[in-house]
N, C-alpha and C. Protein backbone atom coordinates (compact mmCIF):
# COMPACT_ATOMS: atom_id res chain seq x y z
N UNK A 1 30.24 0.33 45.16
CA UNK A 1 29.22 0.16 44.27
C UNK A 1 29.47 1.53 42.90
N UNK A 2 30.03 0.98 41.92
CA UNK A 2 29.80 1.62 40.71
C UNK A 2 28.52 1.95 40.04
N UNK A 3 28.74 3.26 39.92
CA UNK A 3 27.59 3.72 38.87
C UNK A 3 27.25 3.78 37.59
N UNK A 4 26.12 4.05 37.34
CA UNK A 4 25.43 3.91 36.21
C UNK A 4 24.66 4.94 35.45
N UNK A 5 25.43 5.57 34.26
CA UNK A 5 25.08 6.58 33.70
C UNK A 5 24.44 6.58 32.37
N UNK A 6 23.32 7.62 32.17
CA UNK A 6 22.87 7.69 31.24
C UNK A 6 22.41 8.14 30.47
N UNK A 7 22.61 8.31 29.09
CA UNK A 7 22.49 10.25 28.43
C UNK A 7 21.49 9.58 27.48
N UNK A 8 20.42 10.41 28.33
CA UNK A 8 19.10 10.16 27.86
C UNK A 8 18.75 11.17 26.32
N UNK A 9 19.45 11.80 25.98
CA UNK A 9 19.93 13.01 24.97
C UNK A 9 19.87 12.09 24.03
N UNK A 10 21.19 11.15 24.13
CA UNK A 10 21.36 10.41 23.13
C UNK A 10 20.51 9.32 22.65
N UNK A 11 19.45 8.83 23.41
CA UNK A 11 19.18 7.57 23.12
C UNK A 11 17.09 8.23 22.62
N UNK A 12 17.04 9.32 23.25
CA UNK A 12 16.38 10.35 21.90
C UNK A 12 16.06 10.88 21.12
N UNK A 13 17.59 10.76 20.42
CA UNK A 13 18.01 11.31 19.36
C UNK A 13 18.17 9.98 18.57
N UNK A 14 18.50 8.48 19.26
CA UNK A 14 18.60 7.54 18.31
C UNK A 14 16.80 6.70 18.46
N UNK A 15 15.88 6.85 18.76
CA UNK A 15 14.71 6.79 18.53
C UNK A 15 13.99 7.51 17.24
N UNK A 16 14.47 9.17 17.74
CA UNK A 16 13.74 9.58 16.37
C UNK A 16 14.34 9.32 14.68
N UNK A 17 16.01 8.66 15.18
CA UNK A 17 16.41 8.81 13.66
C UNK A 17 15.45 7.43 13.32
N UNK A 18 15.52 6.33 14.34
CA UNK A 18 15.14 4.84 13.99
C UNK A 18 13.48 5.47 13.71
N UNK A 19 12.70 6.11 13.99
CA UNK A 19 11.48 6.44 13.31
C UNK A 19 11.60 7.07 12.10
N UNK A 20 12.44 8.15 11.95
CA UNK A 20 12.57 8.61 10.59
C UNK A 20 12.97 7.46 9.87
N UNK A 21 13.95 6.77 9.81
CA UNK A 21 14.25 5.61 8.53
C UNK A 21 13.28 4.86 8.61
N UNK A 22 12.22 4.36 10.29
CA UNK A 22 11.40 3.28 9.52
C UNK A 22 10.23 4.19 8.34
N UNK A 23 10.36 5.59 9.02
CA UNK A 23 9.19 5.81 7.55
C UNK A 23 9.43 6.12 6.59
N UNK A 24 10.70 6.57 6.10
CA UNK A 24 11.22 6.02 5.04
C UNK A 24 10.85 5.38 4.36
N UNK A 25 11.06 3.90 4.93
CA UNK A 25 11.31 2.64 4.81
C UNK A 25 9.95 2.18 4.42
N UNK A 26 9.00 2.72 5.32
CA UNK A 26 7.88 2.15 5.27
C UNK A 26 6.91 3.01 3.93
N UNK A 27 7.28 4.23 3.66
CA UNK A 27 6.83 5.10 2.58
C UNK A 27 7.52 4.81 1.25
N UNK A 28 8.45 4.19 1.20
CA UNK A 28 8.83 3.73 0.30
C UNK A 28 8.53 1.93 -0.26
N UNK A 29 8.36 1.60 0.83
CA UNK A 29 7.63 -0.09 -0.19
C UNK A 29 6.33 0.32 -0.42
N UNK A 30 6.08 1.03 0.71
CA UNK A 30 4.44 1.53 0.23
C UNK A 30 4.06 2.18 -0.93
N UNK A 31 5.11 2.65 -1.77
CA UNK A 31 4.86 3.10 -2.79
C UNK A 31 4.99 2.10 -4.08
N UNK A 32 5.84 1.32 -3.76
CA UNK A 32 6.18 0.06 -4.47
C UNK A 32 4.68 -1.12 -4.70
N UNK A 33 4.40 -1.14 -3.29
CA UNK A 33 2.80 -2.25 -2.93
C UNK A 33 1.92 -1.47 -3.94
N UNK A 34 1.89 -0.01 -3.75
CA UNK A 34 0.23 0.68 -4.46
C UNK A 34 0.76 0.43 -5.78
N UNK A 35 1.88 0.72 -6.23
CA UNK A 35 2.13 0.49 -7.75
C UNK A 35 1.90 -1.19 -8.50
N UNK A 36 2.18 -1.75 -7.34
CA UNK A 36 1.80 -3.61 -8.01
C UNK A 36 0.55 -3.62 -8.03
N UNK A 37 -0.09 -3.30 -7.01
CA UNK A 37 -1.84 -3.33 -7.14
C UNK A 37 -2.04 -3.24 -8.35
N UNK A 38 -1.78 -1.28 -8.49
CA UNK A 38 -1.96 -1.20 -9.45
C UNK A 38 -1.82 -1.77 -11.39
N UNK A 39 -0.68 -2.16 -11.45
CA UNK A 39 -0.06 -3.35 -12.44
C UNK A 39 -0.88 -4.14 -12.40
N UNK A 40 -1.13 -5.03 -11.51
CA UNK A 40 -1.74 -6.27 -11.58
C UNK A 40 -3.15 -5.89 -11.84
N UNK A 41 -4.07 -5.07 -11.67
CA UNK A 41 -5.37 -4.64 -11.68
C UNK A 41 -5.48 -4.31 -13.22
N UNK A 42 -4.74 -3.73 -13.32
CA UNK A 42 -4.78 -2.97 -15.17
C UNK A 42 -4.60 -4.30 -15.97
N UNK A 43 -3.86 -5.05 -15.50
CA UNK A 43 -2.99 -6.25 -16.47
C UNK A 43 -4.42 -7.32 -16.18
N UNK A 44 -5.08 -7.55 -15.46
CA UNK A 44 -6.40 -8.46 -15.36
C UNK A 44 -7.49 -7.83 -14.97
N UNK A 45 -7.39 -6.84 -15.62
CA UNK A 45 -9.22 -6.32 -15.53
C UNK A 45 -10.09 -6.87 -16.35
N UNK A 46 -11.55 -7.85 -15.75
CA UNK A 46 -12.05 -9.21 -16.67
C UNK A 46 -13.03 -8.19 -17.32
N UNK A 47 -13.07 -7.25 -18.23
CA UNK A 47 -13.83 -6.46 -18.75
C UNK A 47 -13.03 -5.90 -20.11
N UNK A 48 -14.04 -5.96 -21.53
CA UNK A 48 -12.87 -5.34 -22.35
C UNK A 48 -13.49 -3.57 -22.80
N UNK A 49 -11.97 -2.99 -22.28
CA UNK A 49 -11.43 -1.87 -21.83
C UNK A 49 -11.88 -0.46 -23.88
N UNK A 50 -13.15 -0.16 -23.72
CA UNK A 50 -13.91 0.04 -25.52
C UNK A 50 -12.91 1.45 -25.54
N UNK A 51 -12.82 2.51 -24.54
CA UNK A 51 -11.93 3.64 -24.73
C UNK A 51 -10.69 3.69 -24.66
N UNK A 52 -10.50 2.56 -23.85
CA UNK A 52 -8.61 2.78 -23.38
C UNK A 52 -8.28 3.85 -22.43
N UNK A 53 -9.47 4.53 -21.50
CA UNK A 53 -9.93 5.24 -20.39
C UNK A 53 -9.92 4.61 -19.38
N UNK A 54 -11.07 3.44 -19.52
CA UNK A 54 -11.28 2.83 -18.09
C UNK A 54 -10.29 2.03 -17.06
N UNK A 55 -9.38 1.35 -17.47
CA UNK A 55 -8.39 0.95 -17.11
C UNK A 55 -6.98 1.82 -17.36
N UNK A 56 -7.06 3.33 -17.56
CA UNK A 56 -5.83 4.00 -17.53
C UNK A 56 -6.02 4.48 -16.09
N UNK A 57 -7.76 4.78 -15.40
CA UNK A 57 -7.84 5.45 -14.75
C UNK A 57 -7.68 4.68 -13.26
N UNK A 58 -7.47 3.19 -13.04
CA UNK A 58 -7.11 2.50 -11.97
C UNK A 58 -5.44 3.26 -11.35
N UNK A 59 -5.70 3.84 -10.15
CA UNK A 59 -4.42 4.46 -9.69
C UNK A 59 -4.27 3.13 -8.48
N UNK A 60 -2.82 2.82 -8.01
CA UNK A 60 -2.03 2.51 -6.65
C UNK A 60 -1.25 3.55 -6.07
N UNK A 61 -1.31 3.37 -4.56
CA UNK A 61 0.09 4.10 -4.43
C UNK A 61 -0.46 4.49 -3.13
N UNK A 62 0.20 5.18 -2.31
CA UNK A 62 -0.05 5.22 -0.58
C UNK A 62 -0.09 6.47 0.13
N UNK A 63 -0.61 6.65 0.67
CA UNK A 63 -1.22 8.05 1.84
C UNK A 63 -1.04 7.72 3.04
N UNK A 64 -0.35 8.85 3.43
CA UNK A 64 -0.04 9.06 4.99
C UNK A 64 -1.28 9.57 6.03
N UNK A 65 -1.70 9.35 6.86
CA UNK A 65 -2.39 9.76 7.59
C UNK A 65 -2.22 9.62 8.90
N UNK A 66 -1.68 11.03 9.44
CA UNK A 66 -0.61 10.67 10.51
C UNK A 66 0.37 10.02 10.68
N UNK A 67 0.27 8.96 11.61
CA UNK A 67 1.71 8.26 11.68
C UNK A 67 0.92 6.46 10.60
N UNK A 68 -0.01 6.44 10.06
CA UNK A 68 -0.63 5.64 9.67
C UNK A 68 -0.34 5.65 7.93
N UNK A 69 0.19 4.68 7.44
CA UNK A 69 0.55 4.40 6.02
C UNK A 69 -0.24 3.76 5.33
N UNK A 70 -1.58 4.15 4.37
CA UNK A 70 -2.35 3.27 4.05
C UNK A 70 -2.00 3.05 2.09
N UNK A 71 -2.00 1.55 1.99
CA UNK A 71 -1.71 1.93 0.66
C UNK A 71 -3.53 1.57 0.08
N UNK A 72 -3.41 2.00 -1.15
CA UNK A 72 -4.98 1.92 -1.70
C UNK A 72 -4.26 1.43 -3.44
N UNK A 73 -5.66 1.18 -3.94
CA UNK A 73 -5.57 1.06 -5.24
C UNK A 73 -7.38 1.50 -5.61
N UNK A 74 -7.67 2.59 -6.47
CA UNK A 74 -8.94 2.94 -6.98
C UNK A 74 -8.88 3.35 -8.56
N UNK A 75 -10.47 2.99 -8.68
CA UNK A 75 -10.50 3.13 -10.23
C UNK A 75 -11.10 4.71 -10.46
N UNK A 76 -11.30 5.43 -9.65
CA UNK A 76 -11.41 6.81 -10.32
C UNK A 76 -12.40 7.87 -11.00
N UNK A 77 -13.74 6.57 -11.55
CA UNK A 77 -14.59 6.80 -12.15
C UNK A 77 -15.77 6.51 -11.30
N UNK A 78 -17.14 7.04 -11.64
CA UNK A 78 -18.41 6.72 -10.87
C UNK A 78 -18.66 5.68 -11.23
N UNK A 79 -18.29 5.02 -11.92
CA UNK A 79 -18.77 3.23 -12.27
C UNK A 79 -18.24 2.42 -12.10
N UNK A 80 -17.09 2.17 -11.58
CA UNK A 80 -16.62 1.29 -10.81
C UNK A 80 -17.03 0.98 -9.85
N UNK A 81 -17.74 1.55 -8.80
CA UNK A 81 -18.38 0.96 -7.85
C UNK A 81 -19.43 -0.05 -8.03
N UNK A 82 -20.11 0.28 -9.29
CA UNK A 82 -21.09 -0.94 -10.17
C UNK A 82 -20.08 -1.97 -10.84
N UNK A 83 -18.81 -1.91 -11.00
CA UNK A 83 -18.34 -2.98 -11.46
C UNK A 83 -17.53 -3.74 -10.94
N UNK A 84 -17.59 -3.22 -9.50
CA UNK A 84 -17.37 -4.17 -8.15
C UNK A 84 -18.34 -4.90 -7.53
N UNK A 85 -19.77 -4.21 -7.90
CA UNK A 85 -20.80 -4.78 -6.75
C UNK A 85 -21.87 -5.58 -7.44
N UNK A 86 -21.82 -5.28 -8.82
CA UNK A 86 -23.12 -5.46 -9.47
C UNK A 86 -23.07 -6.52 -10.40
N UNK A 87 -23.65 -7.61 -11.13
CA UNK A 87 -23.76 -8.61 -12.02
C UNK A 87 -22.84 -9.69 -11.24
N UNK A 88 -22.88 -9.50 -9.68
CA UNK A 88 -22.65 -10.93 -9.33
C UNK A 88 -20.74 -10.76 -9.78
N UNK A 89 -20.34 -9.59 -9.18
CA UNK A 89 -18.85 -9.33 -8.75
C UNK A 89 -18.01 -9.39 -10.00
N UNK A 90 -18.97 -9.89 -11.47
CA UNK A 90 -18.17 -10.45 -12.72
C UNK A 90 -17.05 -9.46 -12.93
N UNK A 91 -17.49 -8.39 -13.00
CA UNK A 91 -16.07 -7.23 -13.35
C UNK A 91 -15.46 -6.52 -12.27
N UNK A 92 -15.72 -7.39 -11.45
CA UNK A 92 -14.89 -6.24 -10.27
C UNK A 92 -13.20 -7.01 -10.10
N UNK A 93 -12.43 -5.99 -10.18
CA UNK A 93 -11.33 -6.06 -10.56
C UNK A 93 -9.87 -5.51 -9.04
N UNK A 94 -10.56 -4.42 -8.35
CA UNK A 94 -10.33 -3.64 -7.04
C UNK A 94 -10.26 -4.70 -6.15
N UNK A 95 -11.41 -5.06 -5.79
CA UNK A 95 -11.05 -6.23 -4.41
C UNK A 95 -10.61 -7.23 -4.78
N UNK A 96 -10.74 -8.29 -5.97
CA UNK A 96 -9.77 -9.18 -6.31
C UNK A 96 -8.76 -9.03 -6.02
N UNK A 97 -7.73 -7.67 -6.61
CA UNK A 97 -6.58 -7.71 -6.81
C UNK A 97 -5.78 -7.29 -5.29
N UNK A 98 -6.71 -7.01 -4.62
CA UNK A 98 -6.41 -6.58 -3.19
C UNK A 98 -6.46 -7.92 -2.11
N UNK A 99 -7.15 -8.57 -2.55
CA UNK A 99 -7.42 -10.32 -1.66
C UNK A 99 -6.18 -11.06 -2.17
N UNK A 100 -5.98 -10.67 -3.34
CA UNK A 100 -4.89 -11.54 -4.00
C UNK A 100 -3.12 -11.76 -3.68
N UNK A 101 -2.53 -9.86 -3.70
CA UNK A 101 -1.69 -9.27 -3.19
C UNK A 101 -1.72 -9.07 -1.99
N UNK A 102 -2.48 -8.76 -1.42
CA UNK A 102 -2.57 -8.85 0.23
C UNK A 102 -1.38 -9.35 0.88
N UNK A 103 -1.58 -10.50 1.21
CA UNK A 103 -0.73 -11.74 1.54
C UNK A 103 0.81 -10.98 1.65
N UNK A 104 0.86 -11.15 0.27
CA UNK A 104 2.41 -10.86 -0.11
C UNK A 104 2.48 -9.41 0.39
N UNK A 105 1.90 -8.43 0.73
CA UNK A 105 2.29 -6.96 0.70
C UNK A 105 2.27 -7.11 2.54
N UNK A 106 2.06 -7.87 2.66
CA UNK A 106 1.91 -8.03 4.34
C UNK A 106 3.44 -8.82 4.43
N UNK A 107 3.22 -9.64 3.84
CA UNK A 107 4.88 -10.54 3.81
C UNK A 107 5.98 -9.62 3.59
N UNK A 108 6.12 -9.00 3.15
CA UNK A 108 7.00 -8.00 2.59
C UNK A 108 7.18 -7.25 3.66
N UNK A 109 6.16 -6.20 3.81
CA UNK A 109 6.50 -5.40 5.28
C UNK A 109 6.87 -6.17 6.56
N UNK A 110 6.42 -7.07 6.89
CA UNK A 110 6.76 -7.62 7.52
C UNK A 110 8.89 -7.94 7.90
N UNK A 111 9.34 -8.67 6.70
CA UNK A 111 10.22 -9.07 5.97
C UNK A 111 11.53 -7.49 6.37
N UNK A 112 10.44 -6.59 5.72
CA UNK A 112 11.19 -4.99 5.87
C UNK A 112 11.87 -4.47 7.42
N UNK A 113 11.06 -5.19 8.42
CA UNK A 113 11.85 -5.18 9.68
C UNK A 113 12.53 -6.38 9.87
N UNK A 114 12.40 -7.36 9.46
CA UNK A 114 12.85 -8.39 9.99
C UNK A 114 12.35 -9.20 10.83
N UNK A 115 11.12 -9.25 10.92
CA UNK A 115 10.59 -10.24 11.13
C UNK A 115 9.74 -11.94 10.87
C-alpha cells in the first residue's frame, strides 16, 4: 500500500495567501461600491442645495471591523436624519440610494468570487 503525505505547512501558507488576496479584492471592490453610492446620492438628491455644502458632505466608503467589511454612505450633518425620516421621507436620499444600488453591489461581490 502506498503512503499519502501531506505538507500541512504549504496548505496553511496557501490558505493565508488566499485570505490576504481575498481581503485585498474585497477592500478594492468595497471602495468602488462606496464611492458609487456617494456619487449616485449626490447626483440624485431630491432637494435644492442652498449652500453647496449639503451635498458635498455626503460620503461613501468602506470600513473594516474585524473580519467584516462594511460599505457605507452618510450625510455627515445633524439634519440628515430629518431629511431621511421627516416630510414623508420626501427628501430622503441615503436609504433610497442604498435600496437602489445594493442588489447591484451584492451581485458584483458574488461575481468577485466567481459565484
